[in-house]
Structures are given as structure tokens and as C-alpha cells.
Amino acid sequence: MTQKLNRHGIPVRSIRNAALAALAADLPSPILADVTGMHRHTALRWVAYARRDWAEYIAARAEGKSGDVVPAAD
């Protein structure tokens, strides 16, 4: 199924990850693990990712720092 959708230009992985991030932002990790069937440690990592504070990344972008921050293409 994934291959068929990808052939038609539907990016399954990114859509799946976006859906998981949205769930992880709203649910505690034990509930996320139960609902999705994922391991509790994996659910904990998703919840931590979804609640990450992006302020440091945004500040680095604003200052134009190099490194692992990729500058925006204008």
C-alpha cells in the first residue's frame, strides 16, 4: 500500500509522522502507546519530541548561525 501511494505522489511517511506528532502533543505517553500499539518507550520519545521547545532553533535561525541549521532559501 505504501509503495502504491508513494507512486502517486502521496508521501506516506511524512503524513504518518505528522499524525503521530499531533497525537503525541495531545495525549500522555501511556495512552499514545495503547492507542497506537507502539512500545511505551517509543511513545515517550514521540511525546518528548512533540512538546519540544523550538525557541533555541528559531533564535539560531534568526541569528544566521551555521552548523546543522540550514538557512532558508529566499
PDB file of N, CA and C in Angstrom:
ATOM      1  N   MET A   1       0.824  -1.179   0.000  1.00  0.00           N
ATOM      2  CA  MET A   1       0.000   0.000   0.000  1.00  0.00           C
ATOM      3  C   MET A   1       0.873   1.250   0.000  1.00  0.00           C
ATOM      4  N   THR A   2       1.921   1.260   0.843  1.00  0.00           N
ATOM      5  CA  THR A   2       2.811   2.419   0.913  1.00  0.00           C
ATOM      6  C   THR A   2       3.436   2.713  -0.441  1.00  0.00           C
ATOM      7  N   GLN A   3       3.899   1.687  -1.107  1.00  0.00           N
ATOM      8  CA  GLN A   3       4.535   1.868  -2.412  1.00  0.00           C
ATOM      9  C   GLN A   3       3.552   2.445  -3.428  1.00  0.00           C
ATOM     10  N   LYS A   4       2.333   1.958  -3.431  1.00  0.00           N
ATOM     11  CA  LYS A   4       1.327   2.458  -4.366  1.00  0.00           C
ATOM     12  C   LYS A   4       1.033   3.939  -4.105  1.00  0.00           C
ATOM     13  N   LEU A   5       0.883   4.295  -2.848  1.00  0.00           N
ATOM     14  CA  LEU A   5       0.609   5.693  -2.517  1.00  0.00           C
ATOM     15  C   LEU A   5       1.792   6.581  -2.885  1.00  0.00           C
ATOM     16  N   ASN A   6       3.002   6.111  -2.602  1.00  0.00           N
ATOM     17  CA  ASN A   6       4.194   6.890  -2.953  1.00  0.00           C
ATOM     18  C   ASN A   6       4.299   7.093  -4.466  1.00  0.00           C
ATOM     19  N   ARG A   7       3.959   6.079  -5.241  1.00  0.00           N
ATOM     20  CA  ARG A   7       3.995   6.204  -6.704  1.00  0.00           C
ATOM     21  C   ARG A   7       3.057   7.281  -7.211  1.00  0.00           C
ATOM     22  N   HIS A   8       1.987   7.525  -6.465  1.00  0.00           N
ATOM     23  CA  HIS A   8       1.016   8.550  -6.857  1.00  0.00           C
ATOM     24  C   HIS A   8       1.300   9.895  -6.206  1.00  0.00           C
ATOM     25  N   GLY A   9       2.481  10.024  -5.615  1.00  0.00           N
ATOM     26  CA  GLY A   9       2.885  11.298  -5.045  1.00  0.00           C
ATOM     27  C   GLY A   9       2.341  11.596  -3.660  1.00  0.00           C
ATOM     28  N   ILE A  10       1.880  10.584  -2.965  1.00  0.00           N
ATOM     29  CA  ILE A  10       1.362  10.780  -1.613  1.00  0.00           C
ATOM     30  C   ILE A  10       2.438  10.325  -0.628  1.00  0.00           C
ATOM     31  N   PRO A  11       3.062  11.265   0.085  1.00  0.00           N
ATOM     32  CA  PRO A  11       4.173  10.932   0.990  1.00  0.00           C
ATOM     33  C   PRO A  11       3.687  10.323   2.302  1.00  0.00           C
ATOM     34  N   VAL A  12       3.615   9.026   2.338  1.00  0.00           N
ATOM     35  CA  VAL A  12       3.025   8.320   3.473  1.00  0.00           C
ATOM     36  C   VAL A  12       3.801   8.550   4.763  1.00  0.00           C
ATOM     37  N   ARG A  13       5.122   8.476   4.711  1.00  0.00           N
ATOM     38  CA  ARG A  13       5.906   8.595   5.943  1.00  0.00           C
ATOM     39  C   ARG A  13       5.720   9.958   6.597  1.00  0.00           C
ATOM     40  N   SER A  14       5.778  11.017   5.816  1.00  0.00           N
ATOM     41  CA  SER A  14       5.644  12.347   6.410  1.00  0.00           C
ATOM     42  C   SER A  14       4.240  12.566   6.973  1.00  0.00           C
ATOM     43  N   ILE A  15       3.239  12.035   6.313  1.00  0.00           N
ATOM     44  CA  ILE A  15       1.865  12.156   6.804  1.00  0.00           C
ATOM     45  C   ILE A  15       1.695  11.360   8.091  1.00  0.00           C
ATOM     46  N   ARG A  16       2.269  10.154   8.124  1.00  0.00           N
ATOM     47  CA  ARG A  16       2.215   9.318   9.329  1.00  0.00           C
ATOM     48  C   ARG A  16       2.890  10.031  10.492  1.00  0.00           C
ATOM     49  N   ASN A  17       4.078  10.580  10.252  1.00  0.00           N
ATOM     50  CA  ASN A  17       4.814  11.260  11.315  1.00  0.00           C
ATOM     51  C   ASN A  17       4.077  12.497  11.809  1.00  0.00           C
ATOM     52  N   ALA A  18       3.455  13.220  10.911  1.00  0.00           N
ATOM     53  CA  ALA A  18       2.677  14.401  11.306  1.00  0.00           C
ATOM     54  C   ALA A  18       1.495  13.998  12.174  1.00  0.00           C
ATOM     55  N   ALA A  19       0.830  12.923  11.815  1.00  0.00           N
ATOM     56  CA  ALA A  19      -0.307  12.440  12.605  1.00  0.00           C
ATOM     57  C   ALA A  19       0.147  11.980  13.991  1.00  0.00           C
ATOM     58  N   LEU A  20       1.272  11.263  14.039  1.00  0.00           N
ATOM     59  CA  LEU A  20       1.793  10.825  15.331  1.00  0.00           C
ATOM     60  C   LEU A  20       2.214  12.008  16.200  1.00  0.00           C
ATOM     61  N   ALA A  21       2.834  13.008  15.601  1.00  0.00           N
ATOM     62  CA  ALA A  21       3.236  14.188  16.359  1.00  0.00           C
ATOM     63  C   ALA A  21       2.015  14.918  16.914  1.00  0.00           C
ATOM     64  N   ALA A  22       0.953  14.995  16.128  1.00  0.00           N
ATOM     65  CA  ALA A  22      -0.276  15.644  16.597  1.00  0.00           C
ATOM     66  C   ALA A  22      -0.894  14.871  17.761  1.00  0.00           C
ATOM     67  N   LEU A  23      -0.925  13.558  17.648  1.00  0.00           N
ATOM     68  CA  LEU A  23      -1.439  12.743  18.750  1.00  0.00           C
ATOM     69  C   LEU A  23      -0.559  12.887  19.987  1.00  0.00           C
ATOM     70  N   ALA A  24       0.760  12.849  19.777  1.00  0.00           N
ATOM     71  CA  ALA A  24       1.695  12.929  20.903  1.00  0.00           C
ATOM     72  C   ALA A  24       1.610  14.271  21.615  1.00  0.00           C
ATOM     73  N   ALA A  25       1.237  15.314  20.910  1.00  0.00           N
ATOM     74  CA  ALA A  25       1.093  16.624  21.531  1.00  0.00           C
ATOM     75  C   ALA A  25      -0.135  16.688  22.436  1.00  0.00           C
ATOM     76  N   ASP A  26      -1.123  15.842  22.171  1.00  0.00           N
ATOM     77  CA  ASP A  26      -2.385  15.891  22.911  1.00  0.00           C
ATOM     78  C   ASP A  26      -2.570  14.775  23.931  1.00  0.00           C
ATOM     79  N   LEU A  27      -1.814  13.679  23.794  1.00  0.00           N
ATOM     80  CA  LEU A  27      -2.024  12.517  24.653  1.00  0.00           C
ATOM     81  C   LEU A  27      -0.807  12.240  25.522  1.00  0.00           C
ATOM     82  N   PRO A  28      -1.029  11.735  26.736  1.00  0.00           N
ATOM     83  CA  PRO A  28       0.108  11.273  27.529  1.00  0.00           C
ATOM     84  C   PRO A  28       0.689  10.004  26.912  1.00  0.00           C
ATOM     85  N   SER A  29       1.953   9.742  27.165  1.00  0.00           N
ATOM     86  CA  SER A  29       2.632   8.626  26.507  1.00  0.00           C
ATOM     87  C   SER A  29       1.984   7.257  26.756  1.00  0.00           C
ATOM     88  N   PRO A  30       1.467   6.928  27.952  1.00  0.00           N
ATOM     89  CA  PRO A  30       0.837   5.608  28.110  1.00  0.00           C
ATOM     90  C   PRO A  30      -0.395   5.428  27.219  1.00  0.00           C
ATOM     91  N   ILE A  31      -1.167   6.497  27.067  1.00  0.00           N
ATOM     92  CA  ILE A  31      -2.362   6.432  26.215  1.00  0.00           C
ATOM     93  C   ILE A  31      -1.943   6.312  24.756  1.00  0.00           C
ATOM     94  N   LEU A  32      -0.936   7.102  24.342  1.00  0.00           N
ATOM     95  CA  LEU A  32      -0.434   7.024  22.968  1.00  0.00           C
ATOM     96  C   LEU A  32       0.047   5.610  22.653  1.00  0.00           C
ATOM     97  N   ALA A  33       0.751   4.985  23.589  1.00  0.00           N
ATOM     98  CA  ALA A  33       1.230   3.620  23.387  1.00  0.00           C
ATOM     99  C   ALA A  33       0.065   2.648  23.231  1.00  0.00           C
ATOM    100  N   ASP A  34      -0.951   2.788  24.060  1.00  0.00           N
ATOM    101  CA  ASP A  34      -2.116   1.893  23.974  1.00  0.00           C
ATOM    102  C   ASP A  34      -2.889   2.082  22.680  1.00  0.00           C
ATOM    103  N   VAL A  35      -3.101   3.332  22.295  1.00  0.00           N
ATOM    104  CA  VAL A  35      -3.909   3.630  21.108  1.00  0.00           C
ATOM    105  C   VAL A  35      -3.212   3.173  19.828  1.00  0.00           C
ATOM    106  N   THR A  36      -1.910   3.392  19.753  1.00  0.00           N
ATOM    107  CA  THR A  36      -1.184   3.080  18.515  1.00  0.00           C
ATOM    108  C   THR A  36      -0.555   1.698  18.506  1.00  0.00           C
ATOM    109  N   GLY A  37      -0.418   1.087  19.671  1.00  0.00           N
ATOM    110  CA  GLY A  37       0.223  -0.220  19.750  1.00  0.00           C
ATOM    111  C   GLY A  37       1.739  -0.143  19.760  1.00  0.00           C
ATOM    112  N   MET A  38       2.279   1.053  19.920  1.00  0.00           N
ATOM    113  CA  MET A  38       3.734   1.182  19.954  1.00  0.00           C
ATOM    114  C   MET A  38       4.244   0.912  21.364  1.00  0.00           C
ATOM    115  N   HIS A  39       5.534   0.648  21.468  1.00  0.00           N
ATOM    116  CA  HIS A  39       6.153   0.403  22.763  1.00  0.00           C
ATOM    117  C   HIS A  39       6.085   1.676  23.593  1.00  0.00           C
ATOM    118  N   ARG A  40       6.004   1.538  24.897  1.00  0.00           N
ATOM    119  CA  ARG A  40       5.854   2.702  25.768  1.00  0.00           C
ATOM    120  C   ARG A  40       7.045   3.651  25.690  1.00  0.00           C
ATOM    121  N   HIS A  41       8.244   3.114  25.450  1.00  0.00           N
ATOM    122  CA  HIS A  41       9.427   3.974  25.324  1.00  0.00           C
ATOM    123  C   HIS A  41       9.363   4.794  24.029  1.00  0.00           C
ATOM    124  N   THR A  42       8.866   4.176  22.965  1.00  0.00           N
ATOM    125  CA  THR A  42       8.709   4.889  21.701  1.00  0.00           C
ATOM    126  C   THR A  42       7.681   6.001  21.857  1.00  0.00           C
ATOM    127  N   ALA A  43       6.590   5.710  22.538  1.00  0.00           N
ATOM    128  CA  ALA A  43       5.561   6.722  22.780  1.00  0.00           C
ATOM    129  C   ALA A  43       6.118   7.868  23.618  1.00  0.00           C
ATOM    130  N   LEU A  44       6.951   7.563  24.586  1.00  0.00           N
ATOM    131  CA  LEU A  44       7.563   8.595  25.412  1.00  0.00           C
ATOM    132  C   LEU A  44       8.458   9.507  24.574  1.00  0.00           C
ATOM    133  N   ARG A  45       9.209   8.935  23.630  1.00  0.00           N
ATOM    134  CA  ARG A  45      10.053   9.746  22.747  1.00  0.00           C
ATOM    135  C   ARG A  45       9.209  10.638  21.846  1.00  0.00           C
ATOM    136  N   TRP A  46       8.085  10.122  21.334  1.00  0.00           N
ATOM    137  CA  TRP A  46       7.207  10.930  20.484  1.00  0.00           C
ATOM    138  C   TRP A  46       6.626  12.097  21.278  1.00  0.00           C
ATOM    139  N   VAL A  47       6.207  11.840  22.514  1.00  0.00           N
ATOM    140  CA  VAL A  47       5.639  12.905  23.345  1.00  0.00           C
ATOM    141  C   VAL A  47       6.702  13.967  23.629  1.00  0.00           C
ATOM    142  N   ALA A  48       7.919  13.532  23.924  1.00  0.00           N
ATOM    143  CA  ALA A  48       9.005  14.486  24.174  1.00  0.00           C
ATOM    144  C   ALA A  48       9.292  15.308  22.923  1.00  0.00           C
ATOM    145  N   TYR A  49       9.273  14.684  21.766  1.00  0.00           N
ATOM    146  CA  TYR A  49       9.500  15.392  20.504  1.00  0.00           C
ATOM    147  C   TYR A  49       8.395  16.408  20.244  1.00  0.00           C
ATOM    148  N   ALA A  50       7.158  16.009  20.453  1.00  0.00           N
ATOM    149  CA  ALA A  50       6.018  16.879  20.153  1.00  0.00           C
ATOM    150  C   ALA A  50       5.972  18.085  21.089  1.00  0.00           C
ATOM    151  N   ARG A  51       6.501  17.960  22.266  1.00  0.00           N
ATOM    152  CA  ARG A  51       6.468  19.060  23.235  1.00  0.00           C
ATOM    153  C   ARG A  51       7.783  19.821  23.292  1.00  0.00           C
ATOM    154  N   ARG A  52       8.671  19.567  22.342  1.00  0.00           N
ATOM    155  CA  ARG A  52       9.975  20.223  22.317  1.00  0.00           C
ATOM    156  C   ARG A  52       9.824  21.731  22.198  1.00  0.00           C
ATOM    157  N   ASP A  53      10.687  22.433  22.902  1.00  0.00           N
ATOM    158  CA  ASP A  53      10.717  23.887  22.816  1.00  0.00           C
ATOM    159  C   ASP A  53      11.618  24.264  21.642  1.00  0.00           C
ATOM    160  N   TRP A  54      11.057  24.871  20.641  1.00  0.00           N
ATOM    161  CA  TRP A  54      11.789  25.202  19.421  1.00  0.00           C
ATOM    162  C   TRP A  54      12.413  26.598  19.488  1.00  0.00           C
ATOM    163  N   ALA A  55      12.408  27.246  20.649  1.00  0.00           N
ATOM    164  CA  ALA A  55      12.917  28.611  20.770  1.00  0.00           C
ATOM    165  C   ALA A  55      14.398  28.693  20.409  1.00  0.00           C
ATOM    166  N   GLU A  56      15.210  27.724  20.843  1.00  0.00           N
ATOM    167  CA  GLU A  56      16.641  27.757  20.537  1.00  0.00           C
ATOM    168  C   GLU A  56      16.879  27.652  19.025  1.00  0.00           C
ATOM    169  N   TYR A  57      16.124  26.798  18.368  1.00  0.00           N
ATOM    170  CA  TYR A  57      16.257  26.648  16.913  1.00  0.00           C
ATOM    171  C   TYR A  57      15.874  27.952  16.208  1.00  0.00           C
ATOM    172  N   ILE A  58      14.782  28.544  16.615  1.00  0.00           N
ATOM    173  CA  ILE A  58      14.319  29.782  15.992  1.00  0.00           C
ATOM    174  C   ILE A  58      15.331  30.901  16.205  1.00  0.00           C
ATOM    175  N   ALA A  59      15.908  30.976  17.414  1.00  0.00           N
ATOM    176  CA  ALA A  59      16.914  32.001  17.696  1.00  0.00           C
ATOM    177  C   ALA A  59      18.150  31.805  16.826  1.00  0.00           C
ATOM    178  N   ALA A  60      18.555  30.550  16.640  1.00  0.00           N
ATOM    179  CA  ALA A  60      19.716  30.259  15.794  1.00  0.00           C
ATOM    180  C   ALA A  60      19.446  30.655  14.349  1.00  0.00           C
ATOM    181  N   ARG A  61      18.249  30.387  13.871  1.00  0.00           N
ATOM    182  CA  ARG A  61      17.881  30.782  12.502  1.00  0.00           C
ATOM    183  C   ARG A  61      17.888  32.293  12.364  1.00  0.00           C
ATOM    184  N   ALA A  62      17.378  32.989  13.365  1.00  0.00           N
ATOM    185  CA  ALA A  62      17.304  34.439  13.313  1.00  0.00           C
ATOM    186  C   ALA A  62      18.698  35.078  13.327  1.00  0.00           C
ATOM    187  N   GLU A  63      19.634  34.457  14.046  1.00  0.00           N
ATOM    188  CA  GLU A  63      20.995  34.972  14.114  1.00  0.00           C
ATOM    189  C   GLU A  63      21.833  34.562  12.907  1.00  0.00           C
ATOM    190  N   GLY A  64      21.333  33.621  12.116  1.00  0.00           N
ATOM    191  CA  GLY A  64      22.053  33.164  10.936  1.00  0.00           C
ATOM    192  C   GLY A  64      23.246  32.287  11.256  1.00  0.00           C
ATOM    193  N   LYS A  65      23.195  31.586  12.393  1.00  0.00           N
ATOM    194  CA  LYS A  65      24.292  30.697  12.767  1.00  0.00           C
ATOM    195  C   LYS A  65      24.402  29.566  11.772  1.00  0.00           C
ATOM    196  N   SER A  66      25.631  29.124  11.530  1.00  0.00           N
ATOM    197  CA  SER A  66      25.837  27.961  10.668  1.00  0.00           C
ATOM    198  C   SER A  66      25.866  26.719  11.532  1.00  0.00           C
ATOM    199  N   GLY A  67      26.284  25.621  10.960  1.00  0.00           N
ATOM    200  CA  GLY A  67      26.300  24.345  11.662  1.00  0.00           C
ATOM    201  C   GLY A  67      25.231  23.458  11.085  1.00  0.00           C
ATOM    202  N   ASP A  68      24.464  22.824  11.972  1.00  0.00           N
ATOM    203  CA  ASP A  68      23.425  21.928  11.474  1.00  0.00           C
ATOM    204  C   ASP A  68      22.132  22.664  11.137  1.00  0.00           C
ATOM    205  N   VAL A  69      22.112  23.972  11.275  1.00  0.00           N
ATOM    206  CA  VAL A  69      20.942  24.767  10.901  1.00  0.00           C
ATOM    207  C   VAL A  69      21.076  25.147   9.441  1.00  0.00           C
ATOM    208  N   VAL A  70      20.101  24.769   8.659  1.00  0.00           N
ATOM    209  CA  VAL A  70      20.119  25.047   7.225  1.00  0.00           C
ATOM    210  C   VAL A  70      19.430  26.375   6.971  1.00  0.00           C
ATOM    211  N   PRO A  71      20.120  27.331   6.338  1.00  0.00           N
ATOM    212  CA  PRO A  71      19.483  28.630   6.077  1.00  0.00           C
ATOM    213  C   PRO A  71      18.318  28.506   5.111  1.00  0.00           C
ATOM    214  N   ALA A  72      17.335  29.337   5.300  1.00  0.00           N
ATOM    215  CA  ALA A  72      16.161  29.324   4.419  1.00  0.00           C
ATOM    216  C   ALA A  72      16.528  29.865   3.055  1.00  0.00           C
ATOM    217  N   ALA A  73      15.950  29.246   2.027  1.00  0.00           N
ATOM    218  CA  ALA A  73      16.180  29.714   0.653  1.00  0.00           C
ATOM    219  C   ALA A  73      15.201  30.829   0.348  1.00  0.00           C
ATOM    220  N   ASP A  74      15.722  31.969  -0.058  1.00  0.00           N
ATOM    221  CA  ASP A  74      14.845  33.119  -0.373  1.00  0.00           C
ATOM    222  C   ASP A  74      14.633  33.240  -1.856  1.00  0.00           C
TER     223      ASP A  74
END
